[in-house]
Amino acid sequence: MRECPSILHIDLDAFFAAVEQRDKPSLRGKPVVVGGVGARGVVATASYEARRYGVHSAMSTSQARRRCPHAAFLTGRFHAYQETSRAVMDLLGSLSPLVEPLSLDEAYVDLAQCETLPGFDQESLTAFARELKTAITEVTRGLTGSVGIGTSKLVAKIASDLDKPDGLTIVPAGTEQDLLDPMHVSVIPGVGPATTERLRRLGVHTVAELRSISRDELVRTLGQSHGAGLYSLARAEDDRSVVPEREAKSISVEDTYETDHTDRRILESLIDRQASAVGARLRKAKLSGRTVTLKVRLHDFSTVTRSSTLTSPTEDSRQISRVARSLLADLDTTSGVRLLGVGVSGLADWIQDDLFTDDSADPEPTESPAGDAVVPTRPSWAPGMDVDHEEFGAGWVWGSGRGVVTVRFETAETGPGKVRSFATDDPLLHPRHRPRR
């Protein structure tokens, strides 16, 4: 534990949805859901307007449509998220040499290495954090982030979630227990639904009640590693350092879910999304890998990993997904999955040409943001994707089907734009960022 609050955690608010609202003026202030738009799709991020209707990440898109049918459902634009994330990470890197990105929208910063911070008193930290938040809004062209500062990673991360969106919480040294004690035990990392239920049977609901349980009893109930870990975290004991990015030995994506998933279709959709992200990161780094790994944490917190090694390196998201799905098929997940991860290792600094890509394959079905049923057409125009029209300029796909694609012509710099429809094979209409198959 540090003697002063010198670890900062930044979490960009509703990141994917916020980027879409920034770049699409007609969606500002309205419910936006980013993720898979088909019947088997999964929500990646929901705007705060959509969250008011109970929509949240890892929820099936079909359920999200039932809860908020008037939301805009978009497939997402990874290039826009990467570009925005890079601007934030570069800003953080200019403040401290120790920056630990957790994802595109989340990072720890070691303020002890920050030369521009005059001190660690409340006034200095508050001024520094407010300047940082203003700078983030400037480099992202309008996005906000919530900041937490504390004496450990645990406290900083919890603090950043206390006043969302656009929040700032600083936890002075010596007050960590006052913050944690009244909170529900699920605020502690690793306490999901299954662990919460086991603790409830012990009469434990709050962190203060968790502290009243002996280490031995927690170990008997939850196992050595998990029980001992919770015993320490309940006492705000967390000495983890901020670790900057190192040369990658593997590239992976994993997510912990608010509720345990048992539906195999949902799990496969989550794998597809993670494989897509892993493939995109491999291609960006001009890398490929031979070993695909699936990581599954079950309802009882036991973790299982399965790997398969290919005959040659790949960076193809579809192949990664196929292998990861086959690994999932061999696992019993009927009791519920709380964490899922897909990774590729055995990296090589070259990428094999995708000899098996079939550019003539049927496109995936698309839908309008309002959820109207459509018939897939060629080419596939995904809701939310950027397009350019040689006469009308820049816009984004509102929806497509039955030989027609509807485009709203607007950008981040314009006001809400007009909507026009075209034949899907209109020679004047082009994807601005053609997705790699």
Protein backbone atom coordinates (compact mmCIF):
# COMPACT_ATOMS: atom_id res chain seq x y z
CA MET A 1 0.00 0.00 0.00
CA ARG A 2 1.26 3.47 -0.86
CA GLU A 3 1.52 6.27 1.66
CA CYS A 4 -0.28 8.73 -0.61
CA PRO A 5 -2.88 8.44 -3.39
CA SER A 6 -0.63 8.11 -6.41
CA ILE A 7 -2.43 5.60 -8.66
CA LEU A 8 -4.97 6.97 -11.12
CA HIS A 9 -7.58 4.95 -12.96
CA ILE A 10 -9.31 6.45 -16.01
CA ASP A 11 -12.40 4.91 -17.57
CA LEU A 12 -13.88 6.54 -20.67
CA ASP A 13 -17.64 6.79 -20.31
CA ALA A 14 -19.76 4.44 -22.50
CA PHE A 15 -16.82 4.51 -24.90
CA PHE A 16 -18.02 2.83 -28.11
CA ALA A 17 -21.45 4.47 -27.90
CA ALA A 18 -19.91 7.85 -27.07
CA VAL A 19 -17.69 7.69 -30.16
CA GLU A 20 -20.76 6.91 -32.28
CA GLN A 21 -22.71 9.82 -30.78
CA ARG A 22 -19.74 12.12 -31.34
CA ASP A 23 -19.49 11.21 -35.01
CA LYS A 24 -23.23 11.02 -35.64
CA PRO A 25 -24.90 14.27 -34.49
CA SER A 26 -28.42 12.91 -35.00
CA LEU A 27 -27.75 10.31 -32.27
CA ARG A 28 -26.58 12.70 -29.57
CA GLY A 29 -28.74 12.47 -26.50
CA LYS A 30 -30.51 9.38 -27.83
CA PRO A 31 -30.23 5.67 -26.94
CA VAL A 32 -27.39 3.98 -28.84
CA VAL A 33 -26.42 0.31 -28.65
CA VAL A 34 -23.18 -0.94 -30.20
CA GLY A 35 -22.64 -4.64 -30.88
CA GLY A 36 -23.99 -7.44 -33.00
CA VAL A 37 -27.21 -6.37 -34.69
CA GLY A 38 -28.45 -9.81 -35.72
CA ALA A 39 -30.65 -12.24 -33.83
CA ARG A 40 -27.60 -13.82 -32.17
CA GLY A 41 -25.82 -10.53 -31.52
CA VAL A 42 -24.47 -9.36 -28.17
CA VAL A 43 -24.31 -5.81 -26.80
CA ALA A 44 -20.77 -4.43 -26.54
CA THR A 45 -21.67 -1.00 -25.10
CA ALA A 46 -24.84 0.95 -24.47
CA SER A 47 -25.10 4.71 -24.14
CA TYR A 48 -26.35 6.10 -20.84
CA GLU A 49 -29.64 6.92 -22.54
CA ALA A 50 -30.05 3.22 -23.37
CA ARG A 51 -28.93 2.10 -19.92
CA ARG A 52 -31.93 3.84 -18.42
CA TYR A 53 -34.01 1.14 -20.11
CA GLY A 54 -31.94 -1.66 -18.59
CA VAL A 55 -29.65 -2.30 -21.56
CA HIS A 56 -26.11 -3.31 -20.60
CA SER A 57 -23.01 -4.94 -22.07
CA ALA A 58 -23.02 -8.71 -22.74
CA MET A 59 -26.83 -8.66 -22.98
CA SER A 60 -28.24 -10.36 -26.05
CA THR A 61 -29.23 -7.89 -28.74
CA SER A 62 -32.69 -9.41 -28.96
CA GLN A 63 -33.28 -8.68 -25.28
CA ALA A 64 -31.87 -5.16 -25.70
CA ARG A 65 -34.31 -4.54 -28.56
CA ARG A 66 -37.20 -5.59 -26.35
CA ARG A 67 -36.12 -3.25 -23.58
CA CYS A 68 -35.29 -0.30 -25.81
CA PRO A 69 -36.83 -0.80 -29.27
CA HIS A 70 -36.33 2.85 -30.27
CA ALA A 71 -32.54 2.74 -29.80
CA ALA A 72 -30.07 2.95 -32.69
CA PHE A 73 -28.40 -0.46 -33.02
CA LEU A 74 -24.98 -0.16 -34.69
CA THR A 75 -22.35 -2.73 -35.61
CA GLY A 76 -19.43 -0.61 -34.45
CA ARG A 77 -16.36 0.89 -36.11
CA PHE A 78 -13.17 -0.52 -34.59
CA HIS A 79 -10.91 1.89 -36.49
CA ALA A 80 -12.65 4.88 -34.87
CA TYR A 81 -12.33 3.37 -31.40
CA GLN A 82 -8.65 2.57 -31.92
CA GLU A 83 -7.89 6.06 -33.14
CA THR A 84 -9.66 7.67 -30.19
CA SER A 85 -8.06 5.30 -27.69
CA ARG A 86 -4.62 5.98 -29.12
CA ALA A 87 -5.08 9.72 -28.58
CA VAL A 88 -5.95 9.13 -24.91
CA MET A 89 -3.10 6.68 -24.29
CA ASP A 90 -0.62 9.06 -25.92
CA LEU A 91 -1.86 11.82 -23.61
CA LEU A 92 -1.45 9.61 -20.55
CA GLY A 93 2.01 8.57 -21.73
CA SER A 94 3.06 12.21 -21.89
CA LEU A 95 2.25 12.54 -18.18
CA SER A 96 3.89 9.41 -16.78
CA PRO A 97 6.18 6.68 -18.16
CA LEU A 98 4.11 4.11 -16.28
CA VAL A 99 0.77 3.68 -18.02
CA GLU A 100 -1.01 0.31 -17.97
CA PRO A 101 -3.81 0.07 -20.55
CA LEU A 102 -6.48 -2.43 -19.58
CA SER A 103 -8.54 -2.03 -22.74
CA LEU A 104 -9.24 0.60 -25.38
CA ASP A 105 -11.11 2.76 -22.85
CA GLU A 106 -9.43 2.05 -19.53
CA ALA A 107 -5.96 2.49 -18.00
CA TYR A 108 -3.95 2.91 -14.81
CA VAL A 109 -1.40 5.71 -14.46
CA ASP A 110 1.37 5.83 -11.84
CA LEU A 111 1.34 9.44 -10.68
CA ALA A 112 4.47 8.93 -8.59
CA GLN A 113 6.37 9.11 -11.90
CA CYS A 114 4.55 12.26 -13.05
CA GLU A 115 6.92 15.25 -13.05
CA THR A 116 4.17 17.83 -13.63
CA LEU A 117 2.24 16.93 -10.46
CA PRO A 118 3.32 19.36 -7.69
CA GLY A 119 2.14 17.19 -4.80
CA PHE A 120 -0.25 14.54 -3.56
CA ASP A 121 -2.45 16.71 -1.38
CA GLN A 122 -6.15 16.89 -2.21
CA GLU A 123 -5.92 20.31 -3.86
CA SER A 124 -3.02 19.38 -6.16
CA LEU A 125 -4.58 16.06 -7.18
CA THR A 126 -7.95 17.66 -7.84
CA ALA A 127 -6.46 20.36 -10.06
CA PHE A 128 -4.33 17.80 -11.91
CA ALA A 129 -7.27 15.44 -12.50
CA ARG A 130 -9.54 18.22 -13.74
CA GLU A 131 -6.89 19.37 -16.21
CA LEU A 132 -6.49 15.77 -17.37
CA LYS A 133 -10.24 15.37 -17.87
CA THR A 134 -10.34 18.59 -19.88
CA ALA A 135 -7.42 17.40 -22.01
CA ILE A 136 -9.14 14.06 -22.64
CA THR A 137 -12.25 15.84 -23.87
CA GLU A 138 -10.07 17.92 -26.20
CA VAL A 139 -8.04 15.06 -27.71
CA THR A 140 -11.14 12.88 -28.15
CA ARG A 141 -13.20 15.77 -29.54
CA GLY A 142 -15.90 15.63 -26.93
CA LEU A 143 -15.70 12.40 -24.93
CA THR A 144 -15.61 12.30 -21.13
CA GLY A 145 -13.83 10.04 -18.71
CA SER A 146 -14.32 9.19 -15.05
CA VAL A 147 -11.23 9.35 -12.85
CA GLY A 148 -10.43 7.66 -9.56
CA ILE A 149 -7.24 8.23 -7.55
CA GLY A 150 -6.15 6.14 -4.59
CA THR A 151 -3.31 4.37 -2.85
CA SER A 152 -3.80 1.15 -4.82
CA LYS A 153 -5.21 -0.18 -8.06
CA LEU A 154 -8.19 -1.59 -6.18
CA VAL A 155 -9.17 1.71 -4.62
CA ALA A 156 -8.48 3.79 -7.75
CA LYS A 157 -10.65 1.53 -9.93
CA ILE A 158 -13.53 1.48 -7.46
CA ALA A 159 -13.27 5.26 -7.07
CA SER A 160 -13.52 5.87 -10.82
CA ASP A 161 -16.89 4.11 -10.87
CA LEU A 162 -18.47 6.10 -8.04
CA ASP A 163 -19.50 9.23 -9.92
CA LYS A 164 -20.12 8.20 -13.52
CA PRO A 165 -20.31 9.69 -16.03
CA ASP A 166 -17.62 12.41 -16.08
CA GLY A 167 -16.78 11.83 -12.43
CA LEU A 168 -13.77 12.49 -10.22
CA THR A 169 -13.18 10.77 -6.88
CA ILE A 170 -9.98 10.98 -4.81
CA VAL A 171 -9.61 8.67 -1.83
CA PRO A 172 -7.13 10.12 0.70
CA ALA A 173 -4.66 7.73 2.33
CA GLY A 174 -6.10 6.25 5.50
CA THR A 175 -9.73 6.49 4.37
CA GLU A 176 -9.83 3.41 2.18
CA GLN A 177 -11.70 1.30 4.71
CA ASP A 178 -14.27 4.01 5.27
CA LEU A 179 -14.98 3.91 1.52
CA LEU A 180 -15.12 0.12 1.18
CA ASP A 181 -16.90 -1.02 4.36
CA PRO A 182 -20.49 0.06 3.49
CA MET A 183 -20.22 -1.19 -0.10
CA HIS A 184 -21.74 -4.44 -1.33
CA VAL A 185 -19.17 -7.24 -1.58
CA SER A 186 -19.63 -7.40 -5.38
CA VAL A 187 -17.57 -4.19 -5.63
CA ILE A 188 -14.45 -6.29 -5.01
CA PRO A 189 -12.89 -7.80 -8.16
CA GLY A 190 -13.60 -11.51 -8.37
CA VAL A 191 -16.89 -11.39 -6.47
CA GLY A 192 -19.45 -12.39 -9.06
CA PRO A 193 -22.92 -13.92 -8.67
CA ALA A 194 -21.65 -17.34 -7.53
CA THR A 195 -19.27 -15.94 -4.92
CA THR A 196 -21.90 -13.43 -3.80
CA GLU A 197 -24.32 -16.29 -3.16
CA ARG A 198 -21.73 -18.26 -1.16
CA LEU A 199 -20.96 -15.21 0.95
CA ARG A 200 -24.67 -14.54 1.45
CA ARG A 201 -24.99 -17.98 3.00
CA LEU A 202 -22.35 -16.86 5.50
CA GLY A 203 -24.41 -13.78 6.26
CA VAL A 204 -22.03 -11.54 4.34
CA HIS A 205 -23.44 -8.72 2.21
CA THR A 206 -21.09 -5.76 2.73
CA VAL A 207 -17.32 -5.41 2.72
CA ALA A 208 -17.44 -4.68 6.47
CA GLU A 209 -19.20 -8.02 7.02
CA LEU A 210 -16.64 -9.72 4.80
CA ARG A 211 -13.86 -8.38 7.03
CA SER A 212 -15.47 -10.10 10.00
CA ILE A 213 -14.89 -13.51 8.41
CA SER A 214 -11.60 -15.19 9.21
CA ARG A 215 -9.08 -16.08 6.55
CA ASP A 216 -9.44 -19.78 7.33
CA GLU A 217 -13.21 -19.70 6.87
CA LEU A 218 -12.92 -17.83 3.56
CA VAL A 219 -10.35 -20.35 2.33
CA ARG A 220 -12.60 -23.25 3.34
CA THR A 221 -15.55 -21.66 1.57
CA LEU A 222 -13.89 -20.26 -1.57
CA GLY A 223 -10.59 -22.07 -1.93
CA GLN A 224 -7.05 -21.06 -1.07
CA SER A 225 -6.35 -18.51 -3.78
CA HIS A 226 -9.77 -16.89 -3.97
CA GLY A 227 -10.40 -16.90 -0.23
CA ALA A 228 -7.01 -15.48 0.70
CA GLY A 229 -7.29 -12.88 -2.05
CA LEU A 230 -10.67 -11.62 -0.84
CA TYR A 231 -9.42 -11.53 2.75
CA SER A 232 -6.71 -9.06 1.67
CA LEU A 233 -8.81 -6.99 -0.73
CA ALA A 234 -11.54 -6.53 1.90
CA ARG A 235 -8.84 -4.80 3.96
CA ALA A 236 -7.78 -2.64 0.99
CA GLU A 237 -4.50 -4.55 0.84
CA ASP A 238 -3.37 -4.39 -2.78
CA ASP A 239 0.28 -3.86 -3.63
CA ARG A 240 0.07 -4.42 -7.38
CA SER A 241 2.27 -2.07 -9.40
CA VAL A 242 1.34 -0.18 -12.54
CA VAL A 243 2.95 -2.24 -15.29
CA PRO A 244 3.46 -0.58 -18.71
CA GLU A 245 2.97 -2.50 -21.93
CA ARG A 246 5.75 -4.87 -22.82
CA GLU A 247 6.54 -6.58 -26.09
CA ALA A 248 3.62 -8.84 -26.69
CA LYS A 249 4.11 -12.59 -26.39
CA SER A 250 0.44 -13.06 -27.08
CA ILE A 251 -2.58 -11.02 -28.01
CA SER A 252 -5.82 -11.70 -26.21
CA VAL A 253 -9.17 -10.25 -25.22
CA GLU A 254 -11.19 -11.31 -22.20
CA ASP A 255 -14.32 -10.03 -20.51
CA THR A 256 -16.00 -10.61 -17.16
CA TYR A 257 -19.79 -10.54 -17.28
CA GLU A 258 -22.32 -9.13 -14.86
CA THR A 259 -24.33 -12.34 -14.98
CA ASP A 260 -23.23 -15.92 -15.63
CA HIS A 261 -23.99 -17.06 -19.18
CA THR A 262 -25.30 -20.54 -19.94
CA ASP A 263 -26.74 -20.02 -23.42
CA ARG A 264 -24.28 -21.59 -25.87
CA ARG A 265 -25.40 -19.24 -28.64
CA ILE A 266 -24.55 -16.21 -26.52
CA LEU A 267 -21.14 -17.68 -25.65
CA GLU A 268 -20.38 -18.33 -29.32
CA SER A 269 -21.37 -14.77 -30.21
CA LEU A 270 -19.10 -13.44 -27.48
CA ILE A 271 -16.27 -15.56 -28.88
CA ASP A 272 -16.91 -14.17 -32.37
CA ARG A 273 -16.62 -10.61 -31.07
CA GLN A 274 -13.44 -11.33 -29.11
CA ALA A 275 -11.87 -13.15 -32.07
CA SER A 276 -12.69 -10.16 -34.26
CA ALA A 277 -10.89 -7.84 -31.83
CA VAL A 278 -7.88 -10.17 -31.54
CA GLY A 279 -7.62 -10.46 -35.33
CA ALA A 280 -7.79 -6.68 -35.72
CA ARG A 281 -4.98 -6.19 -33.19
CA LEU A 282 -2.85 -8.83 -34.92
CA ARG A 283 -3.30 -7.18 -38.31
CA LYS A 284 -2.57 -3.72 -36.89
CA ALA A 285 0.68 -5.03 -35.39
CA LYS A 286 1.48 -6.94 -38.61
CA LEU A 287 1.63 -10.16 -36.62
CA SER A 288 0.12 -13.60 -36.87
CA GLY A 289 0.03 -16.53 -34.47
CA ARG A 290 -0.17 -20.29 -34.48
CA THR A 291 -1.78 -21.11 -31.12
CA VAL A 292 -5.37 -20.17 -30.31
CA THR A 293 -6.34 -20.27 -26.63
CA LEU A 294 -9.79 -20.16 -25.04
CA LYS A 295 -10.06 -19.14 -21.39
CA VAL A 296 -13.25 -19.86 -19.44
CA ARG A 297 -13.97 -18.99 -15.83
CA LEU A 298 -16.96 -20.90 -14.51
CA HIS A 299 -19.60 -19.93 -11.96
CA ASP A 300 -17.54 -21.39 -9.08
CA PHE A 301 -14.53 -19.27 -10.11
CA SER A 302 -12.60 -22.27 -11.43
CA THR A 303 -10.70 -21.37 -14.59
CA VAL A 304 -10.19 -23.65 -17.59
CA THR A 305 -7.97 -22.99 -20.59
CA ARG A 306 -7.84 -24.94 -23.82
CA SER A 307 -5.45 -24.40 -26.74
CA SER A 308 -5.06 -25.59 -30.29
CA THR A 309 -1.99 -25.10 -32.50
CA LEU A 310 -2.45 -24.50 -36.23
CA THR A 311 -0.21 -25.76 -39.01
CA SER A 312 0.61 -22.17 -40.04
CA PRO A 313 0.21 -18.71 -38.47
CA THR A 314 -3.01 -16.79 -38.96
CA GLU A 315 -4.45 -13.35 -38.29
CA ASP A 316 -7.86 -14.17 -39.73
CA SER A 317 -10.60 -13.42 -37.20
CA ARG A 318 -12.91 -16.03 -38.67
CA GLN A 319 -10.34 -18.80 -38.35
CA ILE A 320 -9.54 -17.75 -34.78
CA SER A 321 -13.24 -17.81 -33.97
CA ARG A 322 -13.75 -21.24 -35.54
CA VAL A 323 -10.92 -22.72 -33.47
CA ALA A 324 -12.09 -21.04 -30.26
CA ARG A 325 -15.65 -22.26 -30.85
CA SER A 326 -14.39 -25.81 -31.30
CA LEU A 327 -12.52 -25.54 -27.98
CA LEU A 328 -15.70 -24.31 -26.31
CA ALA A 329 -17.63 -27.30 -27.67
CA ASP A 330 -15.49 -29.62 -25.53
CA LEU A 331 -16.30 -27.80 -22.27
CA ASP A 332 -19.26 -28.20 -19.94
CA THR A 333 -20.58 -24.67 -19.42
CA THR A 334 -24.08 -25.57 -18.25
CA SER A 335 -23.37 -24.21 -14.75
CA GLY A 336 -22.60 -20.74 -16.12
CA VAL A 337 -19.65 -18.77 -17.48
CA ARG A 338 -18.58 -15.54 -15.78
CA LEU A 339 -15.41 -14.83 -17.80
CA LEU A 340 -14.51 -15.62 -21.38
CA GLY A 341 -11.29 -14.91 -23.23
CA VAL A 342 -9.77 -15.59 -26.65
CA GLY A 343 -6.05 -15.26 -27.34
CA VAL A 344 -3.40 -16.02 -29.95
CA SER A 345 0.23 -16.82 -29.12
CA GLY A 346 3.25 -18.15 -30.96
CA LEU A 347 3.43 -14.81 -32.74
CA ALA A 348 5.32 -14.28 -35.99
CA ASP A 349 6.21 -10.96 -37.62
CA TRP A 350 4.56 -11.87 -40.90
CA ILE A 351 1.02 -12.51 -42.04
CA GLN A 352 0.09 -15.35 -44.35
CA ASP A 353 -2.14 -14.38 -47.22
CA ASP A 354 -5.68 -15.51 -46.56
CA LEU A 355 -5.90 -18.12 -49.30
CA PHE A 356 -9.32 -19.26 -48.19
CA THR A 357 -11.14 -15.93 -48.20
CA ASP A 358 -14.22 -16.12 -50.36
CA ASP A 359 -15.03 -12.56 -51.35
CA SER A 360 -18.13 -13.77 -53.10
CA ALA A 361 -19.58 -15.26 -49.92
CA ASP A 362 -23.07 -14.22 -49.01
CA PRO A 363 -23.12 -11.12 -46.85
CA GLU A 364 -24.44 -11.25 -43.32
CA PRO A 365 -28.02 -10.04 -42.77
CA THR A 366 -28.28 -6.39 -41.81
CA GLU A 367 -30.89 -4.41 -39.96
CA SER A 368 -31.81 -0.78 -39.53
CA PRO A 369 -30.97 0.91 -36.23
CA ALA A 370 -34.65 0.71 -35.40
CA GLY A 371 -34.57 -3.06 -35.78
CA ASP A 372 -36.61 -3.41 -38.98
CA ALA A 373 -36.33 -6.86 -40.53
CA VAL A 374 -34.50 -6.73 -43.85
CA VAL A 375 -33.36 -9.06 -46.58
CA PRO A 376 -29.55 -9.21 -47.06
CA THR A 377 -28.30 -7.66 -50.25
CA ARG A 378 -24.94 -7.32 -52.00
CA PRO A 379 -22.76 -5.64 -50.97
CA SER A 380 -23.41 -5.73 -47.24
CA TRP A 381 -23.97 -2.28 -45.73
CA ALA A 382 -23.77 -2.63 -41.95
CA PRO A 383 -25.71 -0.17 -39.76
CA GLY A 384 -23.36 2.54 -38.53
CA MET A 385 -20.57 2.03 -41.06
CA ASP A 386 -18.93 5.08 -42.64
CA VAL A 387 -19.60 5.74 -46.32
CA ASP A 388 -18.84 8.36 -48.95
CA HIS A 389 -21.08 9.36 -51.82
CA GLU A 390 -19.46 11.11 -54.77
CA GLU A 391 -22.28 13.65 -54.91
CA PHE A 392 -23.55 13.99 -51.32
CA GLY A 393 -20.30 13.47 -49.39
CA ALA A 394 -19.68 11.69 -46.08
CA GLY A 395 -22.32 9.83 -44.11
CA TRP A 396 -23.18 6.59 -42.35
CA VAL A 397 -25.45 3.65 -43.08
CA TRP A 398 -28.80 3.87 -41.35
CA GLY A 399 -29.93 0.50 -42.71
CA SER A 400 -30.21 -1.63 -45.82
CA GLY A 401 -32.37 -4.30 -47.37
CA ARG A 402 -34.39 -5.29 -50.43
CA GLY A 403 -31.85 -3.73 -52.75
CA VAL A 404 -31.82 -0.35 -50.98
CA VAL A 405 -29.29 1.24 -48.61
CA THR A 406 -30.32 4.26 -46.55
CA VAL A 407 -27.64 6.80 -45.58
CA ARG A 408 -27.69 9.76 -43.22
CA PHE A 409 -25.26 12.39 -44.45
CA GLU A 410 -23.56 13.93 -41.43
CA THR A 411 -20.20 13.96 -39.67
CA ALA A 412 -18.93 14.95 -36.25
CA GLU A 413 -18.43 18.51 -37.50
CA THR A 414 -21.90 18.98 -38.99
CA GLY A 415 -25.36 19.16 -37.51
CA PRO A 416 -27.85 16.33 -37.96
CA GLY A 417 -27.90 15.45 -41.64
CA LYS A 418 -30.44 14.49 -44.25
CA VAL A 419 -31.40 10.90 -45.04
CA ARG A 420 -31.32 9.55 -48.58
CA SER A 421 -31.74 6.08 -50.05
CA PHE A 422 -29.83 4.46 -52.91
CA ALA A 423 -29.60 1.18 -54.71
CA THR A 424 -27.13 -1.06 -52.87
CA ASP A 425 -25.00 -1.28 -56.03
CA ASP A 426 -24.98 2.49 -56.63
CA PRO A 427 -21.56 3.15 -58.23
CA LEU A 428 -21.30 6.53 -56.48
CA LEU A 429 -21.57 5.06 -52.96
CA HIS A 430 -18.45 3.60 -51.32
CA PRO A 431 -17.49 2.29 -47.86
CA ARG A 432 -15.05 4.78 -46.32
CA HIS A 433 -13.29 2.10 -44.29
CA ARG A 434 -13.83 -1.17 -46.08
CA PRO A 435 -13.83 -3.91 -43.42
CA ARG A 436 -11.22 -6.61 -43.84
CA ARG A 437 -12.87 -9.97 -44.34
